Amino acid sequence: MFQTLANPKGERVLAVSIRKRPQGLSMVMALPHGLHLPGGVVYQVDGGQKKSIPIEASDDKGVYAVIPMNEALLASMKRGNTFNVTMTAMNRRPVSIPMTLSGFTAAADELVAKQ
């Protein structure tokens, strides 16, 4: 299950995918180049509690952060409307990107049901 957001030029600015693994669900965020890496990534559902995670890897396509999905996060995303992602640009200014959670519940239920 995934969602990709692009700028008006068609360049990816954020892609989020959720995968089912033997240890449970995990979310991978693909972020653009040009970030202040020590700033990590902050995420929140709607106006809920903000959580910070480190940026773990990079390649020629961008940088990546991984969130192990627990039941509380999954439930809040199912109830929520917007998944907000904030990162820090090289100029130390925050960049916030909202992603809609429309259709998330149906897609998550289908993913969890797959064997």
C-alpha atoms as a PDB file:
ATOM      1  CA  MET A   1       0.000   0.000   0.000  1.00  0.00           C
ATOM      2  CA  PHE A   2       1.517   3.347  -0.943  1.00  0.00           C
ATOM      3  CA  GLN A   3       0.918   7.016  -1.667  1.00  0.00           C
ATOM      4  CA  THR A   4       3.237   9.386  -3.504  1.00  0.00           C
ATOM      5  CA  LEU A   5       3.122  13.174  -3.535  1.00  0.00           C
ATOM      6  CA  ALA A   6       4.885  15.209  -6.215  1.00  0.00           C
ATOM      7  CA  ASN A   7       5.544  18.901  -6.771  1.00  0.00           C
ATOM      8  CA  PRO A   8       4.128  20.749  -9.807  1.00  0.00           C
ATOM      9  CA  LYS A   9       7.203  19.688 -11.829  1.00  0.00           C
ATOM     10  CA  GLY A  10       6.350  16.024 -11.186  1.00  0.00           C
ATOM     11  CA  GLU A  11       9.270  15.458  -8.809  1.00  0.00           C
ATOM     12  CA  ARG A  12       8.554  13.199  -5.831  1.00  0.00           C
ATOM     13  CA  VAL A  13       8.578  15.071  -2.540  1.00  0.00           C
ATOM     14  CA  LEU A  14       7.238  12.270  -0.329  1.00  0.00           C
ATOM     15  CA  ALA A  15       6.293   8.648  -0.802  1.00  0.00           C
ATOM     16  CA  VAL A  16       4.908   6.499   1.980  1.00  0.00           C
ATOM     17  CA  SER A  17       4.523   2.746   1.705  1.00  0.00           C
ATOM     18  CA  ILE A  18       3.251   0.276   4.279  1.00  0.00           C
ATOM     19  CA  ARG A  19       4.407  -3.292   3.999  1.00  0.00           C
ATOM     20  CA  LYS A  20       3.393  -6.471   5.747  1.00  0.00           C
ATOM     21  CA  ARG A  21       6.378  -8.326   7.167  1.00  0.00           C
ATOM     22  CA  PRO A  22       6.617 -11.376   9.425  1.00  0.00           C
ATOM     23  CA  GLN A  23       7.141  -9.109  12.460  1.00  0.00           C
ATOM     24  CA  GLY A  24       4.147  -6.901  11.519  1.00  0.00           C
ATOM     25  CA  LEU A  25       3.503  -3.820   9.441  1.00  0.00           C
ATOM     26  CA  SER A  26       6.185  -1.222   8.770  1.00  0.00           C
ATOM     27  CA  MET A  27       5.983   2.161   7.087  1.00  0.00           C
ATOM     28  CA  VAL A  28       8.789   3.393   4.851  1.00  0.00           C
ATOM     29  CA  MET A  29       8.973   7.090   4.027  1.00  0.00           C
ATOM     30  CA  ALA A  30      10.964   8.101   0.942  1.00  0.00           C
ATOM     31  CA  LEU A  31      12.013  11.719   1.337  1.00  0.00           C
ATOM     32  CA  PRO A  32      13.782  14.120  -1.042  1.00  0.00           C
ATOM     33  CA  HIS A  33      17.454  15.055  -1.088  1.00  0.00           C
ATOM     34  CA  GLY A  34      18.455  18.377   0.463  1.00  0.00           C
ATOM     35  CA  LEU A  35      17.445  17.621   4.041  1.00  0.00           C
ATOM     36  CA  HIS A  36      19.297  18.350   7.251  1.00  0.00           C
ATOM     37  CA  LEU A  37      19.735  14.676   8.172  1.00  0.00           C
ATOM     38  CA  PRO A  38      20.276  15.094  11.945  1.00  0.00           C
ATOM     39  CA  GLY A  39      16.825  16.703  12.089  1.00  0.00           C
ATOM     40  CA  GLY A  40      15.165  13.373  11.293  1.00  0.00           C
ATOM     41  CA  VAL A  41      11.464  13.242  10.536  1.00  0.00           C
ATOM     42  CA  VAL A  42       8.497  14.186  12.700  1.00  0.00           C
ATOM     43  CA  TYR A  43       5.078  12.696  12.020  1.00  0.00           C
ATOM     44  CA  GLN A  44       1.624  13.044  13.513  1.00  0.00           C
ATOM     45  CA  VAL A  45      -1.930  12.073  12.700  1.00  0.00           C
ATOM     46  CA  ASP A  46      -4.201  15.117  12.529  1.00  0.00           C
ATOM     47  CA  GLY A  47      -3.346  17.265  15.581  1.00  0.00           C
ATOM     48  CA  GLY A  48      -2.210  14.315  17.711  1.00  0.00           C
ATOM     49  CA  GLN A  49       1.073  13.655  19.445  1.00  0.00           C
ATOM     50  CA  LYS A  50       4.181  14.331  17.364  1.00  0.00           C
ATOM     51  CA  LYS A  51       6.713  11.516  17.083  1.00  0.00           C
ATOM     52  CA  SER A  52      10.270  11.846  15.848  1.00  0.00           C
ATOM     53  CA  ILE A  53      12.254   9.199  13.994  1.00  0.00           C
ATOM     54  CA  PRO A  54      15.746   9.208  12.496  1.00  0.00           C
ATOM     55  CA  ILE A  55      16.560   9.145   8.819  1.00  0.00           C
ATOM     56  CA  GLU A  56      18.100   5.713   8.324  1.00  0.00           C
ATOM     57  CA  ALA A  57      19.464   5.485   4.798  1.00  0.00           C
ATOM     58  CA  SER A  58      19.967   7.273   1.501  1.00  0.00           C
ATOM     59  CA  ASP A  59      20.608   6.441  -2.126  1.00  0.00           C
ATOM     60  CA  ASP A  60      20.517   8.235  -5.464  1.00  0.00           C
ATOM     61  CA  LYS A  61      16.698   8.528  -5.247  1.00  0.00           C
ATOM     62  CA  GLY A  62      16.393  10.135  -1.800  1.00  0.00           C
ATOM     63  CA  VAL A  63      16.561   9.453   1.917  1.00  0.00           C
ATOM     64  CA  TYR A  64      14.515   6.992   3.945  1.00  0.00           C
ATOM     65  CA  ALA A  65      12.953   6.655   7.369  1.00  0.00           C
ATOM     66  CA  VAL A  66      11.182   3.557   8.722  1.00  0.00           C
ATOM     67  CA  ILE A  67       8.376   3.425  11.285  1.00  0.00           C
ATOM     68  CA  PRO A  68       7.398   0.067  12.821  1.00  0.00           C
ATOM     69  CA  MET A  69       3.593   0.168  12.819  1.00  0.00           C
ATOM     70  CA  ASN A  70       2.017  -0.653  16.170  1.00  0.00           C
ATOM     71  CA  GLU A  71      -1.702  -1.060  16.877  1.00  0.00           C
ATOM     72  CA  ALA A  72      -2.024   2.469  18.308  1.00  0.00           C
ATOM     73  CA  LEU A  73      -0.548   4.122  15.205  1.00  0.00           C
ATOM     74  CA  LEU A  74      -2.610   1.947  12.883  1.00  0.00           C
ATOM     75  CA  ALA A  75      -5.811   2.772  14.796  1.00  0.00           C
ATOM     76  CA  SER A  76      -5.094   6.513  14.838  1.00  0.00           C
ATOM     77  CA  MET A  77      -4.413   6.505  11.089  1.00  0.00           C
ATOM     78  CA  LYS A  78      -7.696   4.669  10.485  1.00  0.00           C
ATOM     79  CA  ARG A  79      -9.565   7.309  12.531  1.00  0.00           C
ATOM     80  CA  GLY A  80      -7.591  10.243  11.158  1.00  0.00           C
ATOM     81  CA  ASN A  81      -7.904  12.524   8.181  1.00  0.00           C
ATOM     82  CA  THR A  82      -4.330  13.705   7.638  1.00  0.00           C
ATOM     83  CA  PHE A  83      -0.875  12.198   8.176  1.00  0.00           C
ATOM     84  CA  ASN A  84       1.503  15.122   8.665  1.00  0.00           C
ATOM     85  CA  VAL A  85       5.213  14.692   7.906  1.00  0.00           C
ATOM     86  CA  THR A  86       7.738  17.380   8.845  1.00  0.00           C
ATOM     87  CA  MET A  87      11.415  17.368   7.934  1.00  0.00           C
ATOM     88  CA  THR A  88      14.154  19.973   8.149  1.00  0.00           C
ATOM     89  CA  ALA A  89      15.622  21.460   4.976  1.00  0.00           C
ATOM     90  CA  MET A  90      19.335  22.232   4.644  1.00  0.00           C
ATOM     91  CA  ASN A  91      18.601  25.875   5.506  1.00  0.00           C
ATOM     92  CA  ARG A  92      17.229  24.562   8.857  1.00  0.00           C
ATOM     93  CA  ARG A  93      13.647  25.518   8.035  1.00  0.00           C
ATOM     94  CA  PRO A  94      10.902  22.981   8.641  1.00  0.00           C
ATOM     95  CA  VAL A  95       9.077  21.568   5.640  1.00  0.00           C
ATOM     96  CA  SER A  96       5.658  20.104   6.440  1.00  0.00           C
ATOM     97  CA  ILE A  97       3.771  17.867   4.056  1.00  0.00           C
ATOM     98  CA  PRO A  98       0.232  16.693   4.783  1.00  0.00           C
ATOM     99  CA  MET A  99      -0.946  13.401   3.263  1.00  0.00           C
ATOM    100  CA  THR A 100      -4.594  12.475   3.111  1.00  0.00           C
ATOM    101  CA  LEU A 101      -5.733   9.350   4.929  1.00  0.00           C
ATOM    102  CA  SER A 102      -8.785   9.020   2.708  1.00  0.00           C
ATOM    103  CA  GLY A 103      -9.114   5.335   1.790  1.00  0.00           C
ATOM    104  CA  PHE A 104      -6.517   4.303   4.363  1.00  0.00           C
ATOM    105  CA  THR A 105      -8.832   2.098   6.453  1.00  0.00           C
ATOM    106  CA  ALA A 106      -9.975  -0.037   3.519  1.00  0.00           C
ATOM    107  CA  ALA A 107      -6.438  -0.436   2.173  1.00  0.00           C
ATOM    108  CA  ALA A 108      -4.993  -1.248   5.621  1.00  0.00           C
ATOM    109  CA  ASP A 109      -7.717  -3.819   6.342  1.00  0.00           C
ATOM    110  CA  GLU A 110      -7.050  -5.493   2.984  1.00  0.00           C
ATOM    111  CA  LEU A 111      -3.283  -5.541   3.632  1.00  0.00           C
ATOM    112  CA  VAL A 112      -3.678  -7.012   7.118  1.00  0.00           C
ATOM    113  CA  ALA A 113      -6.116  -9.665   5.838  1.00  0.00           C
ATOM    114  CA  LYS A 114      -3.673 -10.947   3.188  1.00  0.00           C
ATOM    115  CA  GLN A 115      -1.838 -14.124   4.141  1.00  0.00           C
END
